[in-house]
């Protein structure tokens, strides 16, 4: 993961991330210098700098008749993230009390475009129980890069585990060696089922079906009945899969 991607995950746009990184290198500079160095046109640079200033990533310095901009220390990013986490933790009980939990008809959400697809799995990280997944590793990692990175930092347990059915490739075998453990099991689909050009994930009452090859869309079906049916399909495939 590169630095610009990390900054974008912290609510910065691509141009905001670019200008902030430019300022880190320059230390302190005028709009003209920032525009020249970053490649962002001067009128746009003004707007981006104003936004960064409002978000607290840079500060404005007046020297005579000239205006300079300077970056806040990078450690501020960690401080801001920790502050937002604490604020969310404080109000979480209130937010959960407002959650509508009555039985409703199945809900269907759709995510389109590679930039949006990673959001589809966000709810998995807050859902207890076992998640099951099947897909072609290389294709899924290209579509869900942020989700795969997040799984490297979660703590698995008997109450939050995962089983994965992957294509029988060398890449998948290396991945299995790296991630397999007590609460994370990996098996390989028979070669005659390849290529498997979809990504299917089931957790809680969610069933996520993703086209990972050309069209890039995810359908999230929120239904106990559908999730149960797909889990049954998964279990059949798990029994014929090899370790």
Protein backbone atom coordinates (compact mmCIF):
# COMPACT_ATOMS: atom_id res chain seq x y z
CA UNK A 1 0.00 0.00 0.00
CA UNK A 2 1.49 3.36 -0.99
CA UNK A 3 1.39 6.58 1.04
CA UNK A 4 -1.19 8.30 -1.17
CA UNK A 5 -3.64 5.39 -0.72
CA UNK A 6 -3.23 5.64 3.06
CA UNK A 7 -3.93 9.38 3.01
CA UNK A 8 -7.01 8.84 0.83
CA UNK A 9 -8.30 6.38 3.45
CA UNK A 10 -7.94 9.23 5.97
CA UNK A 11 -10.52 11.30 4.06
CA UNK A 12 -8.09 13.17 1.79
CA UNK A 13 -8.78 13.42 -1.93
CA UNK A 14 -6.09 12.44 -4.43
CA UNK A 15 -5.09 16.10 -4.97
CA UNK A 16 -5.14 16.86 -1.24
CA UNK A 17 -2.84 13.87 -0.62
CA UNK A 18 -0.55 14.98 -3.45
CA UNK A 19 -0.25 18.54 -2.17
CA UNK A 20 0.24 17.46 1.45
CA UNK A 21 3.08 15.14 0.39
CA UNK A 22 4.56 17.94 -1.71
CA UNK A 23 4.52 20.28 1.30
CA UNK A 24 6.21 17.66 3.46
CA UNK A 25 9.07 17.76 0.98
CA UNK A 26 9.13 21.54 0.63
CA UNK A 27 8.61 22.34 4.29
CA UNK A 28 7.13 25.78 3.66
CA UNK A 29 6.15 27.29 0.31
CA UNK A 30 3.96 29.68 -1.64
CA UNK A 31 1.02 28.56 -3.75
CA UNK A 32 3.10 29.11 -6.91
CA UNK A 33 5.87 26.81 -5.67
CA UNK A 34 3.38 24.18 -4.46
CA UNK A 35 1.53 24.24 -7.78
CA UNK A 36 4.77 23.99 -9.72
CA UNK A 37 6.11 21.09 -7.65
CA UNK A 38 2.87 19.09 -7.36
CA UNK A 39 1.63 19.60 -10.91
CA UNK A 40 -1.75 20.83 -9.62
CA UNK A 41 -2.92 23.95 -11.43
CA UNK A 42 -2.68 27.13 -9.38
CA UNK A 43 -6.45 27.92 -9.08
CA UNK A 44 -7.10 24.33 -8.01
CA UNK A 45 -4.15 24.42 -5.62
CA UNK A 46 -5.74 27.39 -3.81
CA UNK A 47 -8.95 25.39 -3.25
CA UNK A 48 -7.08 22.27 -2.16
CA UNK A 49 -4.90 24.21 0.28
CA UNK A 50 -7.98 25.82 1.80
CA UNK A 51 -9.54 22.38 2.29
CA UNK A 52 -6.33 21.00 3.86
CA UNK A 53 -6.22 23.99 6.18
CA UNK A 54 -9.82 23.39 7.28
CA UNK A 55 -9.02 19.73 7.94
CA UNK A 56 -5.99 20.73 10.01
CA UNK A 57 -3.29 19.20 7.82
CA UNK A 58 -1.53 22.46 6.99
CA UNK A 59 -1.18 25.97 8.40
CA UNK A 60 -1.00 29.40 6.76
CA UNK A 61 1.95 31.71 7.46
CA UNK A 62 2.07 35.40 6.55
CA UNK A 63 5.48 36.93 5.81
CA UNK A 64 5.12 40.57 4.80
CA UNK A 65 2.87 40.58 1.78
CA UNK A 66 3.46 36.94 0.95
CA UNK A 67 1.44 33.92 2.11
CA UNK A 68 3.20 30.63 2.77
CA UNK A 69 1.80 27.24 3.68
CA UNK A 70 3.43 24.65 5.93
CA UNK A 71 2.46 21.03 6.67
CA UNK A 72 1.47 19.79 10.10
CA UNK A 73 3.70 17.03 11.47
CA UNK A 74 2.75 13.59 10.02
CA UNK A 75 2.22 12.26 13.55
CA UNK A 76 -0.87 14.48 13.65
CA UNK A 77 -2.51 11.94 11.32
CA UNK A 78 -2.24 9.27 14.01
CA UNK A 79 -3.47 11.65 16.69
CA UNK A 80 -6.49 12.62 14.60
CA UNK A 81 -7.34 8.97 13.87
CA UNK A 82 -7.09 8.05 17.56
CA UNK A 83 -9.29 11.03 18.49
CA UNK A 84 -11.97 10.02 15.97
CA UNK A 85 -11.88 6.43 17.29
CA UNK A 86 -12.36 7.61 20.90
CA UNK A 87 -15.25 9.86 19.87
CA UNK A 88 -16.95 6.97 18.07
CA UNK A 89 -16.43 4.66 21.08
CA UNK A 90 -18.13 7.20 23.37
CA UNK A 91 -21.28 7.49 21.24
CA UNK A 92 -21.40 3.83 20.12
CA UNK A 93 -23.95 2.73 22.77
CA UNK A 94 -26.29 5.55 21.65
CA UNK A 95 -25.83 4.68 17.97
CA UNK A 96 -26.54 1.01 18.62
CA UNK A 97 -29.69 1.88 20.57
CA UNK A 98 -31.00 3.71 17.49
CA UNK A 99 -30.36 0.74 15.19
CA UNK A 100 -33.60 -0.55 13.71
CA UNK A 101 -33.68 -4.25 14.57
CA UNK A 102 -37.23 -5.23 13.65
CA UNK A 103 -37.72 -8.06 11.19
CA UNK A 104 -37.96 -6.67 7.69
CA UNK A 105 -38.15 -8.09 4.21
CA UNK A 106 -34.79 -8.93 2.58
CA UNK A 107 -32.76 -5.89 1.58
CA UNK A 108 -30.56 -5.70 -1.48
CA UNK A 109 -27.69 -3.22 -1.92
CA UNK A 110 -25.57 -2.76 -4.99
CA UNK A 111 -22.02 -1.45 -5.26
CA UNK A 112 -20.61 -0.57 -8.68
CA UNK A 113 -17.08 0.30 -9.83
CA UNK A 114 -13.74 -0.87 -8.40
CA UNK A 115 -13.50 2.18 -6.10
CA UNK A 116 -16.82 1.31 -4.41
CA UNK A 117 -16.57 -2.47 -4.11
CA UNK A 118 -14.29 -2.48 -1.04
CA UNK A 119 -17.10 -0.87 0.98
CA UNK A 120 -19.25 -3.97 0.49
CA UNK A 121 -17.33 -6.02 3.09
CA UNK A 122 -17.12 -3.28 5.75
CA UNK A 123 -19.95 -4.74 7.82
CA UNK A 124 -18.20 -8.11 8.07
CA UNK A 125 -15.67 -6.64 10.51
CA UNK A 126 -18.48 -5.90 13.00
CA UNK A 127 -20.42 -9.16 12.54
CA UNK A 128 -19.80 -12.03 14.96
CA UNK A 129 -19.76 -15.63 13.84
CA UNK A 130 -18.12 -17.52 11.01
CA UNK A 131 -17.68 -15.96 7.59
CA UNK A 132 -17.24 -18.18 4.54
CA UNK A 133 -15.82 -17.14 1.21
CA UNK A 134 -15.10 -18.59 -2.21
CA UNK A 135 -13.30 -17.07 -5.15
CA UNK A 136 -10.16 -16.78 -7.23
CA UNK A 137 -7.55 -15.18 -4.98
CA UNK A 138 -5.77 -13.00 -7.54
CA UNK A 139 -9.01 -11.51 -8.92
CA UNK A 140 -10.50 -10.93 -5.46
CA UNK A 141 -7.36 -9.25 -4.13
CA UNK A 142 -7.41 -6.84 -7.08
CA UNK A 143 -11.04 -5.88 -6.36
CA UNK A 144 -10.91 -5.86 -2.53
CA UNK A 145 -7.37 -4.63 -1.66
CA UNK A 146 -8.43 -2.68 1.44
CA UNK A 147 -10.49 -5.59 2.78
CA UNK A 148 -7.55 -8.00 2.45
CA UNK A 149 -5.27 -5.49 4.23
CA UNK A 150 -7.78 -5.10 7.06
CA UNK A 151 -7.95 -8.87 7.58
CA UNK A 152 -4.25 -8.80 8.43
CA UNK A 153 -4.98 -6.69 11.52
CA UNK A 154 -8.13 -8.33 12.93
CA UNK A 155 -8.11 -10.75 15.85
CA UNK A 156 -9.80 -14.04 14.99
CA UNK A 157 -11.41 -16.25 17.62
CA UNK A 158 -14.03 -18.96 18.05
CA UNK A 159 -16.62 -16.17 17.85
CA UNK A 160 -15.12 -14.53 14.77
CA UNK A 161 -13.62 -16.94 12.27
CA UNK A 162 -13.35 -17.55 8.52
CA UNK A 163 -13.14 -20.39 6.04
CA UNK A 164 -11.97 -19.74 2.48
CA UNK A 165 -12.36 -21.79 -0.69
CA UNK A 166 -9.80 -20.64 -3.25
CA UNK A 167 -8.64 -21.57 -6.72
CA UNK A 168 -5.96 -24.25 -6.86
CA UNK A 169 -3.01 -22.00 -7.81
CA UNK A 170 0.53 -21.52 -6.49
CA UNK A 171 -0.45 -18.03 -5.34
CA UNK A 172 -3.37 -19.44 -3.33
CA UNK A 173 -1.12 -22.11 -1.78
CA UNK A 174 1.38 -19.50 -0.61
CA UNK A 175 -1.46 -17.38 0.77
CA UNK A 176 -2.86 -20.39 2.65
CA UNK A 177 0.50 -21.09 4.27
CA UNK A 178 0.69 -17.48 5.42
CA UNK A 179 -2.83 -16.99 6.83
CA UNK A 180 -4.05 -20.43 7.95
CA UNK A 181 -4.56 -20.94 11.67
CA UNK A 182 -6.95 -22.22 14.31
CA UNK A 183 -9.69 -19.80 13.29
CA UNK A 184 -8.85 -19.40 9.61
CA UNK A 185 -9.05 -22.42 7.33
CA UNK A 186 -8.27 -22.54 3.62
CA UNK A 187 -9.07 -25.24 1.08
CA UNK A 188 -8.75 -25.39 -2.70
CA UNK A 189 -11.49 -25.90 -5.27
CA UNK A 190 -11.08 -28.74 -7.76
CA UNK A 191 -9.24 -27.59 -10.88
CA UNK A 192 -12.20 -28.60 -13.08
CA UNK A 193 -14.22 -25.77 -11.50
CA UNK A 194 -11.74 -23.15 -12.74
CA UNK A 195 -11.88 -20.44 -13.76
CA UNK A 196 -14.16 -19.21 -10.96
CA UNK A 197 -14.73 -15.61 -11.99
CA UNK A 198 -16.89 -14.48 -9.09
CA UNK A 199 -16.37 -13.69 -5.43
CA UNK A 200 -18.97 -15.00 -2.97
CA UNK A 201 -18.90 -14.12 0.71
CA UNK A 202 -21.40 -15.04 3.42
CA UNK A 203 -21.40 -13.57 6.93
CA UNK A 204 -24.29 -13.08 9.34
CA UNK A 205 -27.39 -12.72 7.17
CA UNK A 206 -25.40 -11.16 4.30
CA UNK A 207 -24.60 -12.84 1.00
CA UNK A 208 -22.22 -10.87 -1.21
CA UNK A 209 -21.91 -11.84 -4.87
CA UNK A 210 -19.26 -9.96 -6.85
CA UNK A 211 -18.32 -9.90 -10.52
CA UNK A 212 -14.54 -9.57 -10.36
CA UNK A 213 -13.47 -9.91 -13.99
CA UNK A 214 -15.03 -7.23 -16.20
CA UNK A 215 -18.16 -5.58 -14.86
CA UNK A 216 -17.06 -4.89 -11.24
CA UNK A 217 -20.25 -4.89 -9.19
CA UNK A 218 -21.28 -6.42 -5.86
CA UNK A 219 -24.80 -7.42 -4.85
CA UNK A 220 -25.32 -7.57 -1.07
CA UNK A 221 -28.43 -9.61 -0.19
CA UNK A 222 -29.44 -9.25 3.45
CA UNK A 223 -31.59 -12.32 4.10
CA UNK A 224 -31.29 -15.23 6.55
CA UNK A 225 -32.91 -17.57 4.02
CA UNK A 226 -30.55 -16.68 1.16
CA UNK A 227 -27.49 -16.76 3.44
CA UNK A 228 -28.49 -20.21 4.71
CA UNK A 229 -28.91 -21.52 1.14
CA UNK A 230 -25.51 -20.24 0.05
CA UNK A 231 -23.87 -21.66 3.20
CA UNK A 232 -25.27 -25.06 2.19
CA UNK A 233 -23.69 -24.68 -1.27
CA UNK A 234 -20.42 -23.69 0.40
CA UNK A 235 -20.50 -26.75 2.69
CA UNK A 236 -20.99 -29.09 -0.30
CA UNK A 237 -17.99 -27.52 -2.05
CA UNK A 238 -15.93 -27.55 1.17
CA UNK A 239 -16.36 -31.34 1.39
CA UNK A 240 -15.03 -31.95 -2.11
CA UNK A 241 -12.25 -29.34 -1.81
CA UNK A 242 -8.72 -30.42 -1.04
CA UNK A 243 -6.40 -29.13 1.70
